[in-house]
């Protein structure tokens, strides 16, 4: 494995950048889904309040 990195020294930077990209995408998707769940809960509470008030 170290022979591969000796042959292509920029390979480790490419692997690190791909890892950083996947991590960034994961964080964005995870936080976006959390906000979506929060807004669904908030809209559910609003509809419950509207139904209970005459």
C-alpha atoms as a PDB file:
ATOM      1  CA  UNK A   1       0.000   0.000   0.000  1.00  0.00           C
ATOM      2  CA  UNK A   2       2.827   2.394   0.812  1.00  0.00           C
ATOM      3  CA  UNK A   3       4.317   1.621  -2.608  1.00  0.00           C
ATOM      4  CA  UNK A   4       1.128   2.983  -4.142  1.00  0.00           C
ATOM      5  CA  UNK A   5       1.462   6.243  -2.210  1.00  0.00           C
ATOM      6  CA  UNK A   6       5.144   6.431  -3.105  1.00  0.00           C
ATOM      7  CA  UNK A   7       4.246   6.015  -6.768  1.00  0.00           C
ATOM      8  CA  UNK A   8       1.386   8.546  -6.665  1.00  0.00           C
ATOM      9  CA  UNK A   9       1.957  11.031  -3.806  1.00  0.00           C
ATOM     10  CA  UNK A  10      -1.073  13.149  -4.738  1.00  0.00           C
ATOM     11  CA  UNK A  11      -3.367  10.152  -4.268  1.00  0.00           C
ATOM     12  CA  UNK A  12      -3.586  10.726  -0.526  1.00  0.00           C
ATOM     13  CA  UNK A  13      -4.761  14.317  -1.112  1.00  0.00           C
ATOM     14  CA  UNK A  14      -7.387  13.092  -3.553  1.00  0.00           C
ATOM     15  CA  UNK A  15      -8.643  10.524  -1.050  1.00  0.00           C
ATOM     16  CA  UNK A  16      -8.731  13.121   1.707  1.00  0.00           C
ATOM     17  CA  UNK A  17     -10.677  15.561  -0.451  1.00  0.00           C
ATOM     18  CA  UNK A  18     -13.204  12.871  -1.384  1.00  0.00           C
ATOM     19  CA  UNK A  19     -13.650  11.997   2.271  1.00  0.00           C
ATOM     20  CA  UNK A  20     -14.193  15.675   3.116  1.00  0.00           C
ATOM     21  CA  UNK A  21     -16.748  15.997   0.303  1.00  0.00           C
ATOM     22  CA  UNK A  22     -18.732  12.969   1.475  1.00  0.00           C
ATOM     23  CA  UNK A  23     -18.621  14.253   5.040  1.00  0.00           C
ATOM     24  CA  UNK A  24     -19.912  17.661   3.934  1.00  0.00           C
ATOM     25  CA  UNK A  25     -22.766  16.087   1.972  1.00  0.00           C
ATOM     26  CA  UNK A  26     -23.662  13.857   4.926  1.00  0.00           C
ATOM     27  CA  UNK A  27     -23.778  16.809   7.328  1.00  0.00           C
ATOM     28  CA  UNK A  28     -25.926  18.902   4.970  1.00  0.00           C
ATOM     29  CA  UNK A  29     -28.414  16.070   4.372  1.00  0.00           C
ATOM     30  CA  UNK A  30     -28.574  15.232   8.071  1.00  0.00           C
ATOM     31  CA  UNK A  31     -29.247  18.801   9.152  1.00  0.00           C
ATOM     32  CA  UNK A  32     -31.757  19.395   6.353  1.00  0.00           C
ATOM     33  CA  UNK A  33     -33.759  16.321   7.374  1.00  0.00           C
ATOM     34  CA  UNK A  34     -33.787  17.524  10.992  1.00  0.00           C
ATOM     35  CA  UNK A  35     -35.208  20.881   9.968  1.00  0.00           C
ATOM     36  CA  UNK A  36     -37.830  19.156   7.835  1.00  0.00           C
ATOM     37  CA  UNK A  37     -38.948  17.055  10.815  1.00  0.00           C
ATOM     38  CA  UNK A  38     -39.149  20.172  12.998  1.00  0.00           C
ATOM     39  CA  UNK A  39     -41.343  22.027  10.527  1.00  0.00           C
ATOM     40  CA  UNK A  40     -43.659  19.028  10.215  1.00  0.00           C
ATOM     41  CA  UNK A  41     -44.058  18.939  13.994  1.00  0.00           C
ATOM     42  CA  UNK A  42     -44.675  22.681  14.096  1.00  0.00           C
ATOM     43  CA  UNK A  43     -47.269  22.544  11.318  1.00  0.00           C
ATOM     44  CA  UNK A  44     -48.962  19.625  13.075  1.00  0.00           C
ATOM     45  CA  UNK A  45     -49.237  21.667  16.258  1.00  0.00           C
ATOM     46  CA  UNK A  46     -50.693  24.612  14.359  1.00  0.00           C
ATOM     47  CA  UNK A  47     -53.371  22.451  12.754  1.00  0.00           C
ATOM     48  CA  UNK A  48     -54.238  20.939  16.158  1.00  0.00           C
ATOM     49  CA  UNK A  49     -54.629  24.424  17.637  1.00  0.00           C
ATOM     50  CA  UNK A  50     -56.834  25.538  14.777  1.00  0.00           C
ATOM     51  CA  UNK A  51     -59.121  22.524  15.137  1.00  0.00           C
ATOM     52  CA  UNK A  52     -59.516  22.899  18.900  1.00  0.00           C
ATOM     53  CA  UNK A  53     -60.437  26.599  18.695  1.00  0.00           C
ATOM     54  CA  UNK A  54     -64.040  27.316  17.615  1.00  0.00           C
END
